[in-house]
Amino acid sequence: MNDILLQRIKNKDKKAFEELYNRYAAYATRVALAITRRSDLAGDAVQETFIRVYFNIDKFQIGRPFEPWLYRILVNECNRILKQGKKVTYIGDYMDYDENFSHEDRRSFEEYEELYKAVDSLTDKLRIPVILKYLKGFKEAEIAEILDLNVNTVKSRLYKGRQKLKKALAGRNSSEEGRKPHVK
């Protein structure tokens, strides 16, 4: 992240904040959607996240990585919204009705539907680190900072998440193979 842009935001430059929003909103929405599993909740979480960023930018230390700070706020907002007890639905159930998904997103979803279902079946404790690592590309240390966890805890959760995904996907693949006709 550009330190000059962040300094401009600290000085309450609205154009700079708009630039920041335009740079991160789509990615934040994808992460929020993966966590909350509902586009309306994801939108609420992203909106609240950027409001909190705007009003708390003075707490951010220029020179430090911005993305972990932003995504920590986002994850906290997603968790807060989920704790309010709103019903969570599977991403595929509403994807066709959400204008935020492009035709390319839908095709990508269809190609990886089994993987999405497997990730969706993980508990939040395992799913969120997996999303941050493999969807957003954060390093374990950054995930630890975002989730306020020990790095070894993050590594353990990533390992357990990968093992559960491997088991879930292997089970689905073997059941599909059992249904395929044998051709000589």
N, C-alpha and C. Protein backbone atom coordinates (compact mmCIF):
# COMPACT_ATOMS: atom_id res chain seq x y z
N MET A 1 0.85 -1.17 0.00
CA MET A 1 0.00 0.00 0.00
C MET A 1 0.89 1.23 0.00
N ASN A 2 0.50 2.19 -0.70
CA ASN A 2 1.25 3.43 -0.83
C ASN A 2 1.12 4.27 0.44
N ASP A 3 2.25 4.52 1.11
CA ASP A 3 2.23 5.30 2.35
C ASP A 3 1.72 6.72 2.13
N ILE A 4 1.98 7.27 0.95
CA ILE A 4 1.50 8.63 0.66
C ILE A 4 -0.03 8.65 0.62
N LEU A 5 -0.62 7.62 0.00
CA LEU A 5 -2.08 7.53 -0.05
C LEU A 5 -2.64 7.41 1.37
N LEU A 6 -2.03 6.59 2.19
CA LEU A 6 -2.50 6.42 3.57
C LEU A 6 -2.36 7.72 4.36
N GLN A 7 -1.29 8.44 4.14
CA GLN A 7 -1.12 9.72 4.83
C GLN A 7 -2.20 10.70 4.39
N ARG A 8 -2.52 10.70 3.11
CA ARG A 8 -3.60 11.57 2.62
C ARG A 8 -4.93 11.20 3.28
N ILE A 9 -5.16 9.91 3.46
CA ILE A 9 -6.39 9.47 4.13
C ILE A 9 -6.38 9.91 5.58
N LYS A 10 -5.23 9.81 6.24
CA LYS A 10 -5.12 10.29 7.62
C LYS A 10 -5.44 11.77 7.72
N ASN A 11 -5.13 12.50 6.65
CA ASN A 11 -5.45 13.93 6.60
C ASN A 11 -6.88 14.19 6.12
N LYS A 12 -7.69 13.12 6.08
CA LYS A 12 -9.12 13.17 5.73
C LYS A 12 -9.37 13.60 4.29
N ASP A 13 -8.46 13.21 3.39
CA ASP A 13 -8.63 13.46 1.96
C ASP A 13 -9.63 12.43 1.42
N LYS A 14 -10.82 12.90 1.06
CA LYS A 14 -11.88 11.99 0.63
C LYS A 14 -11.58 11.32 -0.71
N LYS A 15 -10.88 12.00 -1.59
CA LYS A 15 -10.50 11.39 -2.88
C LYS A 15 -9.53 10.23 -2.64
N ALA A 16 -8.62 10.38 -1.70
CA ALA A 16 -7.68 9.32 -1.38
C ALA A 16 -8.42 8.12 -0.79
N PHE A 17 -9.41 8.39 0.06
CA PHE A 17 -10.19 7.31 0.64
C PHE A 17 -10.99 6.59 -0.45
N GLU A 18 -11.53 7.35 -1.37
CA GLU A 18 -12.26 6.76 -2.49
C GLU A 18 -11.34 5.85 -3.32
N GLU A 19 -10.11 6.28 -3.52
CA GLU A 19 -9.13 5.47 -4.24
C GLU A 19 -8.85 4.17 -3.48
N LEU A 20 -8.70 4.27 -2.17
CA LEU A 20 -8.48 3.10 -1.33
C LEU A 20 -9.67 2.15 -1.44
N TYR A 21 -10.86 2.71 -1.35
CA TYR A 21 -12.08 1.90 -1.44
C TYR A 21 -12.13 1.18 -2.79
N ASN A 22 -11.89 1.90 -3.86
CA ASN A 22 -11.93 1.30 -5.19
C ASN A 22 -10.88 0.20 -5.36
N ARG A 23 -9.78 0.35 -4.68
CA ARG A 23 -8.69 -0.63 -4.77
C ARG A 23 -9.03 -1.92 -4.03
N TYR A 24 -9.73 -1.82 -2.90
CA TYR A 24 -9.92 -2.98 -2.03
C TYR A 24 -11.35 -3.50 -1.92
N ALA A 25 -12.34 -2.78 -2.33
CA ALA A 25 -13.74 -3.18 -2.08
C ALA A 25 -14.09 -4.53 -2.70
N ALA A 26 -13.71 -4.76 -3.93
CA ALA A 26 -14.08 -6.02 -4.58
C ALA A 26 -13.43 -7.22 -3.88
N TYR A 27 -12.16 -7.09 -3.54
CA TYR A 27 -11.47 -8.18 -2.85
C TYR A 27 -12.05 -8.39 -1.45
N ALA A 28 -12.34 -7.30 -0.77
CA ALA A 28 -12.93 -7.41 0.57
C ALA A 28 -14.30 -8.08 0.49
N THR A 29 -15.06 -7.76 -0.54
CA THR A 29 -16.37 -8.37 -0.71
C THR A 29 -16.25 -9.87 -0.93
N ARG A 30 -15.29 -10.30 -1.71
CA ARG A 30 -15.10 -11.74 -1.93
C ARG A 30 -14.75 -12.46 -0.64
N VAL A 31 -13.87 -11.86 0.14
CA VAL A 31 -13.49 -12.48 1.42
C VAL A 31 -14.70 -12.50 2.36
N ALA A 32 -15.41 -11.39 2.44
CA ALA A 32 -16.59 -11.32 3.32
C ALA A 32 -17.65 -12.32 2.88
N LEU A 33 -17.82 -12.48 1.59
CA LEU A 33 -18.79 -13.44 1.06
C LEU A 33 -18.37 -14.87 1.41
N ALA A 34 -17.09 -15.15 1.33
CA ALA A 34 -16.60 -16.48 1.68
C ALA A 34 -16.79 -16.76 3.17
N ILE A 35 -16.71 -15.73 3.99
CA ILE A 35 -16.88 -15.92 5.44
C ILE A 35 -18.35 -15.97 5.82
N THR A 36 -19.14 -15.01 5.34
CA THR A 36 -20.54 -14.93 5.76
C THR A 36 -21.46 -15.82 4.95
N ARG A 37 -21.06 -16.13 3.72
CA ARG A 37 -21.82 -16.97 2.80
C ARG A 37 -23.13 -16.34 2.33
N ARG A 38 -23.26 -15.04 2.50
CA ARG A 38 -24.45 -14.32 2.01
C ARG A 38 -24.02 -12.96 1.51
N SER A 39 -24.49 -12.60 0.32
CA SER A 39 -24.06 -11.33 -0.28
C SER A 39 -24.54 -10.13 0.51
N ASP A 40 -25.74 -10.20 1.09
CA ASP A 40 -26.23 -9.05 1.86
C ASP A 40 -25.38 -8.84 3.12
N LEU A 41 -25.02 -9.93 3.79
CA LEU A 41 -24.18 -9.81 4.99
C LEU A 41 -22.77 -9.38 4.62
N ALA A 42 -22.28 -9.90 3.49
CA ALA A 42 -20.94 -9.50 3.03
C ALA A 42 -20.91 -8.01 2.73
N GLY A 43 -21.94 -7.52 2.06
CA GLY A 43 -22.02 -6.09 1.76
C GLY A 43 -22.04 -5.25 3.02
N ASP A 44 -22.82 -5.70 4.01
CA ASP A 44 -22.87 -4.98 5.30
C ASP A 44 -21.49 -4.97 5.96
N ALA A 45 -20.82 -6.12 5.94
CA ALA A 45 -19.51 -6.23 6.58
C ALA A 45 -18.49 -5.33 5.89
N VAL A 46 -18.51 -5.30 4.57
CA VAL A 46 -17.56 -4.46 3.82
C VAL A 46 -17.84 -2.99 4.09
N GLN A 47 -19.11 -2.62 4.09
CA GLN A 47 -19.46 -1.21 4.36
C GLN A 47 -18.99 -0.80 5.76
N GLU A 48 -19.27 -1.63 6.74
CA GLU A 48 -18.84 -1.33 8.11
C GLU A 48 -17.32 -1.29 8.22
N THR A 49 -16.66 -2.19 7.50
CA THR A 49 -15.20 -2.23 7.52
C THR A 49 -14.61 -0.91 7.04
N PHE A 50 -15.10 -0.41 5.92
CA PHE A 50 -14.54 0.83 5.38
C PHE A 50 -14.92 2.04 6.24
N ILE A 51 -16.06 1.99 6.88
CA ILE A 51 -16.41 3.05 7.83
C ILE A 51 -15.41 3.04 8.99
N ARG A 52 -15.13 1.84 9.51
CA ARG A 52 -14.17 1.72 10.62
C ARG A 52 -12.76 2.13 10.19
N VAL A 53 -12.38 1.76 8.98
CA VAL A 53 -11.07 2.18 8.46
C VAL A 53 -10.99 3.69 8.44
N TYR A 54 -12.02 4.33 7.92
CA TYR A 54 -12.02 5.80 7.80
C TYR A 54 -11.89 6.46 9.17
N PHE A 55 -12.67 5.98 10.13
CA PHE A 55 -12.66 6.63 11.44
C PHE A 55 -11.51 6.19 12.35
N ASN A 56 -10.84 5.10 12.00
CA ASN A 56 -9.73 4.61 12.83
C ASN A 56 -8.38 4.66 12.13
N ILE A 57 -8.31 5.33 11.00
CA ILE A 57 -7.05 5.38 10.23
C ILE A 57 -5.91 5.99 11.05
N ASP A 58 -6.24 6.85 12.00
CA ASP A 58 -5.20 7.44 12.85
C ASP A 58 -4.49 6.40 13.71
N LYS A 59 -5.15 5.27 13.97
CA LYS A 59 -4.54 4.20 14.76
C LYS A 59 -3.58 3.35 13.92
N PHE A 60 -3.69 3.45 12.59
CA PHE A 60 -2.82 2.68 11.71
C PHE A 60 -1.45 3.34 11.64
N GLN A 61 -0.40 2.53 11.75
CA GLN A 61 0.97 3.04 11.69
C GLN A 61 1.49 2.99 10.26
N ILE A 62 1.74 4.17 9.69
CA ILE A 62 2.29 4.25 8.34
C ILE A 62 3.62 3.49 8.32
N GLY A 63 3.85 2.73 7.27
CA GLY A 63 5.06 1.93 7.16
C GLY A 63 4.80 0.46 7.43
N ARG A 64 3.71 0.16 8.13
CA ARG A 64 3.33 -1.23 8.37
C ARG A 64 2.45 -1.71 7.22
N PRO A 65 2.35 -3.02 7.00
CA PRO A 65 1.49 -3.52 5.93
C PRO A 65 0.02 -3.16 6.19
N PHE A 66 -0.63 -2.62 5.18
CA PHE A 66 -2.01 -2.18 5.33
C PHE A 66 -3.01 -3.33 5.25
N GLU A 67 -2.80 -4.26 4.32
CA GLU A 67 -3.79 -5.31 4.08
C GLU A 67 -4.12 -6.14 5.32
N PRO A 68 -3.15 -6.60 6.10
CA PRO A 68 -3.52 -7.35 7.31
C PRO A 68 -4.40 -6.53 8.26
N TRP A 69 -4.13 -5.24 8.37
CA TRP A 69 -4.93 -4.38 9.23
C TRP A 69 -6.36 -4.29 8.70
N LEU A 70 -6.51 -4.07 7.40
CA LEU A 70 -7.82 -3.99 6.77
C LEU A 70 -8.58 -5.30 6.93
N TYR A 71 -7.93 -6.42 6.65
CA TYR A 71 -8.63 -7.70 6.70
C TYR A 71 -8.91 -8.15 8.13
N ARG A 72 -8.14 -7.68 9.08
CA ARG A 72 -8.47 -7.98 10.48
C ARG A 72 -9.79 -7.29 10.83
N ILE A 73 -9.94 -6.04 10.43
CA ILE A 73 -11.19 -5.32 10.66
C ILE A 73 -12.33 -6.04 9.95
N LEU A 74 -12.10 -6.46 8.71
CA LEU A 74 -13.13 -7.14 7.93
C LEU A 74 -13.55 -8.45 8.59
N VAL A 75 -12.59 -9.27 8.99
CA VAL A 75 -12.92 -10.54 9.63
C VAL A 75 -13.69 -10.29 10.93
N ASN A 76 -13.27 -9.31 11.70
CA ASN A 76 -14.00 -8.98 12.93
C ASN A 76 -15.43 -8.55 12.63
N GLU A 77 -15.62 -7.76 11.58
CA GLU A 77 -16.97 -7.33 11.20
C GLU A 77 -17.81 -8.52 10.75
N CYS A 78 -17.22 -9.40 9.96
CA CYS A 78 -17.95 -10.60 9.53
C CYS A 78 -18.37 -11.43 10.73
N ASN A 79 -17.45 -11.63 11.66
CA ASN A 79 -17.77 -12.41 12.87
C ASN A 79 -18.85 -11.73 13.70
N ARG A 80 -18.79 -10.40 13.81
CA ARG A 80 -19.80 -9.67 14.57
C ARG A 80 -21.18 -9.86 13.93
N ILE A 81 -21.24 -9.74 12.62
CA ILE A 81 -22.51 -9.91 11.91
C ILE A 81 -23.02 -11.33 12.06
N LEU A 82 -22.14 -12.31 11.95
CA LEU A 82 -22.56 -13.70 12.09
C LEU A 82 -23.05 -14.01 13.50
N LYS A 83 -22.44 -13.39 14.49
CA LYS A 83 -22.86 -13.61 15.88
C LYS A 83 -24.24 -13.05 16.17
N GLN A 84 -24.70 -12.15 15.31
CA GLN A 84 -26.04 -11.60 15.49
C GLN A 84 -27.11 -12.64 15.18
N GLY A 85 -26.67 -13.80 14.71
CA GLY A 85 -27.59 -14.91 14.53
C GLY A 85 -28.34 -14.92 13.22
N LYS A 86 -27.85 -14.23 12.23
CA LYS A 86 -28.53 -14.24 10.94
C LYS A 86 -28.26 -15.57 10.25
N LYS A 87 -29.27 -16.04 9.53
CA LYS A 87 -29.18 -17.32 8.83
C LYS A 87 -28.11 -17.27 7.75
N VAL A 88 -27.33 -18.34 7.66
CA VAL A 88 -26.28 -18.45 6.66
C VAL A 88 -26.72 -19.46 5.60
N THR A 89 -26.53 -19.13 4.33
CA THR A 89 -26.88 -20.03 3.24
C THR A 89 -25.65 -20.33 2.40
N TYR A 90 -25.75 -21.38 1.64
CA TYR A 90 -24.65 -21.82 0.77
C TYR A 90 -24.53 -20.87 -0.41
N ILE A 91 -23.31 -20.55 -0.79
CA ILE A 91 -23.02 -19.57 -1.84
C ILE A 91 -23.74 -19.90 -3.15
N GLY A 92 -23.82 -21.15 -3.51
CA GLY A 92 -24.46 -21.53 -4.77
C GLY A 92 -25.95 -21.28 -4.80
N ASP A 93 -26.59 -21.20 -3.63
CA ASP A 93 -28.03 -21.01 -3.56
C ASP A 93 -28.47 -19.63 -4.01
N TYR A 94 -27.61 -18.66 -3.97
CA TYR A 94 -28.02 -17.31 -4.35
C TYR A 94 -27.15 -16.70 -5.44
N MET A 95 -26.16 -17.41 -5.90
CA MET A 95 -25.22 -16.84 -6.86
C MET A 95 -25.92 -16.36 -8.13
N ASP A 96 -26.91 -17.11 -8.60
CA ASP A 96 -27.60 -16.73 -9.84
C ASP A 96 -28.40 -15.45 -9.69
N TYR A 97 -28.75 -15.08 -8.47
CA TYR A 97 -29.58 -13.91 -8.24
C TYR A 97 -28.79 -12.67 -7.86
N ASP A 98 -27.51 -12.81 -7.74
CA ASP A 98 -26.67 -11.69 -7.29
C ASP A 98 -25.98 -11.05 -8.48
N GLU A 99 -26.27 -9.79 -8.73
CA GLU A 99 -25.69 -9.09 -9.88
C GLU A 99 -24.20 -8.84 -9.72
N ASN A 100 -23.64 -9.04 -8.52
CA ASN A 100 -22.21 -8.83 -8.31
C ASN A 100 -21.36 -9.94 -8.94
N PHE A 101 -21.99 -11.07 -9.27
CA PHE A 101 -21.26 -12.17 -9.87
C PHE A 101 -21.32 -12.06 -11.38
N SER A 102 -20.17 -12.01 -12.01
CA SER A 102 -20.10 -11.94 -13.47
C SER A 102 -20.30 -13.34 -14.05
N HIS A 103 -20.47 -13.39 -15.35
CA HIS A 103 -20.59 -14.68 -16.04
C HIS A 103 -19.34 -15.52 -15.79
N GLU A 104 -18.18 -14.86 -15.78
CA GLU A 104 -16.91 -15.55 -15.53
C GLU A 104 -16.88 -16.12 -14.11
N ASP A 105 -17.40 -15.37 -13.12
CA ASP A 105 -17.45 -15.86 -11.75
C ASP A 105 -18.32 -17.11 -11.66
N ARG A 106 -19.46 -17.10 -12.36
CA ARG A 106 -20.36 -18.25 -12.34
C ARG A 106 -19.69 -19.49 -12.96
N ARG A 107 -18.99 -19.28 -14.08
CA ARG A 107 -18.30 -20.39 -14.73
C ARG A 107 -17.21 -20.93 -13.81
N SER A 108 -16.47 -20.04 -13.18
CA SER A 108 -15.42 -20.45 -12.25
C SER A 108 -16.03 -21.23 -11.09
N PHE A 109 -17.18 -20.76 -10.60
CA PHE A 109 -17.86 -21.44 -9.50
C PHE A 109 -18.24 -22.86 -9.92
N GLU A 110 -18.79 -23.00 -11.12
CA GLU A 110 -19.20 -24.33 -11.59
C GLU A 110 -18.01 -25.27 -11.69
N GLU A 111 -16.87 -24.75 -12.16
CA GLU A 111 -15.68 -25.58 -12.29
C GLU A 111 -15.16 -26.05 -10.94
N TYR A 112 -15.31 -25.23 -9.93
CA TYR A 112 -14.75 -25.53 -8.61
C TYR A 112 -15.82 -25.75 -7.56
N GLU A 113 -17.01 -26.11 -7.98
CA GLU A 113 -18.12 -26.23 -7.04
C GLU A 113 -17.83 -27.23 -5.92
N GLU A 114 -17.23 -28.36 -6.24
CA GLU A 114 -16.92 -29.35 -5.21
C GLU A 114 -15.96 -28.79 -4.18
N LEU A 115 -14.96 -28.05 -4.65
CA LEU A 115 -14.01 -27.43 -3.72
C LEU A 115 -14.72 -26.40 -2.85
N TYR A 116 -15.57 -25.57 -3.45
CA TYR A 116 -16.31 -24.57 -2.67
C TYR A 116 -17.19 -25.24 -1.62
N LYS A 117 -17.85 -26.33 -2.00
CA LYS A 117 -18.69 -27.04 -1.04
C LYS A 117 -17.85 -27.59 0.10
N ALA A 118 -16.68 -28.12 -0.24
CA ALA A 118 -15.80 -28.67 0.79
C ALA A 118 -15.31 -27.57 1.73
N VAL A 119 -14.90 -26.43 1.17
CA VAL A 119 -14.47 -25.30 2.01
C VAL A 119 -15.63 -24.81 2.85
N ASP A 120 -16.81 -24.74 2.25
CA ASP A 120 -18.00 -24.27 2.95
C ASP A 120 -18.36 -25.18 4.13
N SER A 121 -17.99 -26.46 4.04
CA SER A 121 -18.32 -27.40 5.11
C SER A 121 -17.39 -27.29 6.32
N LEU A 122 -16.27 -26.59 6.17
CA LEU A 122 -15.34 -26.42 7.29
C LEU A 122 -15.95 -25.52 8.36
N THR A 123 -15.54 -25.73 9.59
CA THR A 123 -15.95 -24.82 10.66
C THR A 123 -15.28 -23.47 10.42
N ASP A 124 -15.85 -22.40 10.96
CA ASP A 124 -15.26 -21.07 10.80
C ASP A 124 -13.81 -21.05 11.26
N LYS A 125 -13.52 -21.77 12.32
CA LYS A 125 -12.17 -21.81 12.89
C LYS A 125 -11.14 -22.29 11.86
N LEU A 126 -11.54 -23.20 10.98
CA LEU A 126 -10.64 -23.71 9.95
C LEU A 126 -10.84 -22.99 8.62
N ARG A 127 -12.09 -22.64 8.32
CA ARG A 127 -12.42 -22.05 7.01
C ARG A 127 -11.80 -20.67 6.82
N ILE A 128 -11.85 -19.83 7.83
CA ILE A 128 -11.36 -18.45 7.68
C ILE A 128 -9.85 -18.42 7.41
N PRO A 129 -9.01 -19.16 8.16
CA PRO A 129 -7.59 -19.16 7.79
C PRO A 129 -7.33 -19.72 6.39
N VAL A 130 -8.09 -20.74 5.99
CA VAL A 130 -7.92 -21.31 4.64
C VAL A 130 -8.26 -20.27 3.59
N ILE A 131 -9.33 -19.53 3.79
CA ILE A 131 -9.72 -18.47 2.84
C ILE A 131 -8.64 -17.40 2.76
N LEU A 132 -8.16 -16.95 3.92
CA LEU A 132 -7.15 -15.89 3.93
C LEU A 132 -5.85 -16.36 3.27
N LYS A 133 -5.50 -17.61 3.47
CA LYS A 133 -4.24 -18.14 2.90
C LYS A 133 -4.37 -18.38 1.40
N TYR A 134 -5.41 -19.10 1.00
CA TYR A 134 -5.47 -19.57 -0.38
C TYR A 134 -6.31 -18.69 -1.30
N LEU A 135 -7.20 -17.90 -0.77
CA LEU A 135 -7.96 -16.97 -1.60
C LEU A 135 -7.25 -15.63 -1.68
N LYS A 136 -6.77 -15.15 -0.54
CA LYS A 136 -6.14 -13.83 -0.48
C LYS A 136 -4.62 -13.88 -0.54
N GLY A 137 -4.02 -15.04 -0.29
CA GLY A 137 -2.57 -15.17 -0.41
C GLY A 137 -1.79 -14.62 0.77
N PHE A 138 -2.43 -14.47 1.93
CA PHE A 138 -1.71 -13.99 3.10
C PHE A 138 -0.76 -15.07 3.62
N LYS A 139 0.33 -14.64 4.21
CA LYS A 139 1.28 -15.54 4.87
C LYS A 139 0.73 -15.89 6.25
N GLU A 140 1.25 -16.97 6.81
CA GLU A 140 0.78 -17.42 8.13
C GLU A 140 0.91 -16.32 9.18
N ALA A 141 2.02 -15.59 9.17
CA ALA A 141 2.23 -14.52 10.16
C ALA A 141 1.18 -13.42 10.00
N GLU A 142 0.82 -13.10 8.76
CA GLU A 142 -0.20 -12.08 8.52
C GLU A 142 -1.57 -12.56 8.97
N ILE A 143 -1.87 -13.84 8.72
CA ILE A 143 -3.14 -14.41 9.17
C ILE A 143 -3.21 -14.38 10.69
N ALA A 144 -2.09 -14.70 11.33
CA ALA A 144 -2.04 -14.66 12.80
C ALA A 144 -2.35 -13.26 13.30
N GLU A 145 -1.80 -12.26 12.63
CA GLU A 145 -2.06 -10.87 13.01
C GLU A 145 -3.53 -10.51 12.78
N ILE A 146 -4.07 -10.89 11.64
CA ILE A 146 -5.46 -10.58 11.31
C ILE A 146 -6.41 -11.21 12.31
N LEU A 147 -6.17 -12.48 12.65
CA LEU A 147 -7.08 -13.22 13.53
C LEU A 147 -6.70 -13.13 15.00
N ASP A 148 -5.61 -12.42 15.29
CA ASP A 148 -5.12 -12.29 16.66
C ASP A 148 -4.85 -13.66 17.28
N LEU A 149 -4.09 -14.47 16.55
CA LEU A 149 -3.73 -15.81 16.98
C LEU A 149 -2.22 -15.98 16.93
N ASN A 150 -1.74 -17.02 17.59
CA ASN A 150 -0.34 -17.42 17.50
C ASN A 150 -0.10 -18.00 16.11
N VAL A 151 1.07 -17.79 15.55
CA VAL A 151 1.40 -18.31 14.21
C VAL A 151 1.27 -19.83 14.17
N ASN A 152 1.70 -20.51 15.23
CA ASN A 152 1.59 -21.97 15.26
C ASN A 152 0.14 -22.43 15.26
N THR A 153 -0.74 -21.67 15.88
CA THR A 153 -2.17 -21.98 15.85
C THR A 153 -2.70 -21.86 14.43
N VAL A 154 -2.28 -20.83 13.73
CA VAL A 154 -2.69 -20.64 12.33
C VAL A 154 -2.18 -21.81 11.49
N LYS A 155 -0.92 -22.18 11.66
CA LYS A 155 -0.36 -23.31 10.90
C LYS A 155 -1.13 -24.59 11.18
N SER A 156 -1.47 -24.81 12.43
CA SER A 156 -2.23 -25.99 12.82
C SER A 156 -3.61 -25.99 12.17
N ARG A 157 -4.28 -24.84 12.20
CA ARG A 157 -5.62 -24.75 11.60
C ARG A 157 -5.56 -24.92 10.08
N LEU A 158 -4.53 -24.38 9.46
CA LEU A 158 -4.37 -24.57 8.02
C LEU A 158 -4.14 -26.05 7.70
N TYR A 159 -3.31 -26.70 8.49
CA TYR A 159 -3.04 -28.12 8.28
C TYR A 159 -4.32 -28.93 8.44
N LYS A 160 -5.04 -28.69 9.53
CA LYS A 160 -6.30 -29.42 9.77
C LYS A 160 -7.31 -29.13 8.67
N GLY A 161 -7.38 -27.88 8.24
CA GLY A 161 -8.29 -27.51 7.16
C GLY A 161 -7.94 -28.24 5.87
N ARG A 162 -6.66 -28.28 5.53
CA ARG A 162 -6.22 -28.99 4.32
C ARG A 162 -6.55 -30.48 4.41
N GLN A 163 -6.33 -31.06 5.59
CA GLN A 163 -6.61 -32.49 5.77
C GLN A 163 -8.10 -32.78 5.60
N LYS A 164 -8.94 -31.92 6.17
CA LYS A 164 -10.39 -32.11 6.04
C LYS A 164 -10.83 -31.91 4.59
N LEU A 165 -10.24 -30.93 3.91
CA LEU A 165 -10.57 -30.71 2.50
C LEU A 165 -10.14 -31.91 1.66
N LYS A 166 -8.95 -32.40 1.93
CA LYS A 166 -8.43 -33.55 1.20
C LYS A 166 -9.35 -34.76 1.38
N LYS A 167 -9.76 -34.99 2.61
CA LYS A 167 -10.65 -36.11 2.91
C LYS A 167 -12.01 -35.92 2.24
N ALA A 168 -12.56 -34.72 2.33
CA ALA A 168 -13.87 -34.44 1.74
C ALA A 168 -13.83 -34.59 0.22
N LEU A 169 -12.79 -34.06 -0.39
CA LEU A 169 -12.69 -34.13 -1.86
C LEU A 169 -12.38 -35.55 -2.33
N ALA A 170 -11.58 -36.27 -1.57
CA ALA A 170 -11.27 -37.66 -1.94
C ALA A 170 -12.53 -38.50 -1.86
N GLY A 171 -13.35 -38.27 -0.85
CA GLY A 171 -14.61 -39.00 -0.70
C GLY A 171 -15.57 -38.72 -1.84
N ARG A 172 -15.63 -37.48 -2.26
CA ARG A 172 -16.53 -37.11 -3.36
C ARG A 172 -16.03 -37.67 -4.68
N ASN A 173 -14.72 -37.62 -4.88
CA ASN A 173 -14.16 -38.13 -6.13
C ASN A 173 -14.32 -39.64 -6.24
N SER A 174 -14.13 -40.36 -5.13
CA SER A 174 -14.26 -41.82 -5.18
C SER A 174 -15.71 -42.22 -5.38
N SER A 175 -16.67 -41.47 -4.83
CA SER A 175 -18.08 -41.80 -5.05
C SER A 175 -18.48 -41.52 -6.49
N GLU A 176 -17.89 -40.48 -7.10
CA GLU A 176 -18.16 -40.19 -8.51
C GLU A 176 -17.58 -41.28 -9.40
N GLU A 177 -16.39 -41.76 -9.05
CA GLU A 177 -15.76 -42.80 -9.85
C GLU A 177 -16.57 -44.09 -9.79
N GLY A 178 -17.19 -44.34 -8.65
CA GLY A 178 -18.01 -45.53 -8.49
C GLY A 178 -19.24 -45.51 -9.38
N ARG A 179 -19.71 -44.34 -9.76
CA ARG A 179 -20.90 -44.22 -10.59
C ARG A 179 -20.58 -44.26 -12.07
N LYS A 180 -19.33 -44.02 -12.44
CA LYS A 180 -18.97 -43.98 -13.85
C LYS A 180 -18.95 -45.40 -14.42
N PRO A 181 -19.45 -45.57 -15.63
CA PRO A 181 -19.41 -46.90 -16.23
C PRO A 181 -17.97 -47.29 -16.56
N HIS A 182 -17.70 -48.55 -16.42
CA HIS A 182 -16.36 -49.06 -16.72
C HIS A 182 -16.27 -49.33 -18.22
N VAL A 183 -15.29 -48.73 -18.87
CA VAL A 183 -15.13 -48.89 -20.32
C VAL A 183 -13.81 -49.59 -20.58
N LYS A 184 -13.85 -50.66 -21.40
CA LYS A 184 -12.61 -51.39 -21.72
C LYS A 184 -12.08 -50.97 -23.05
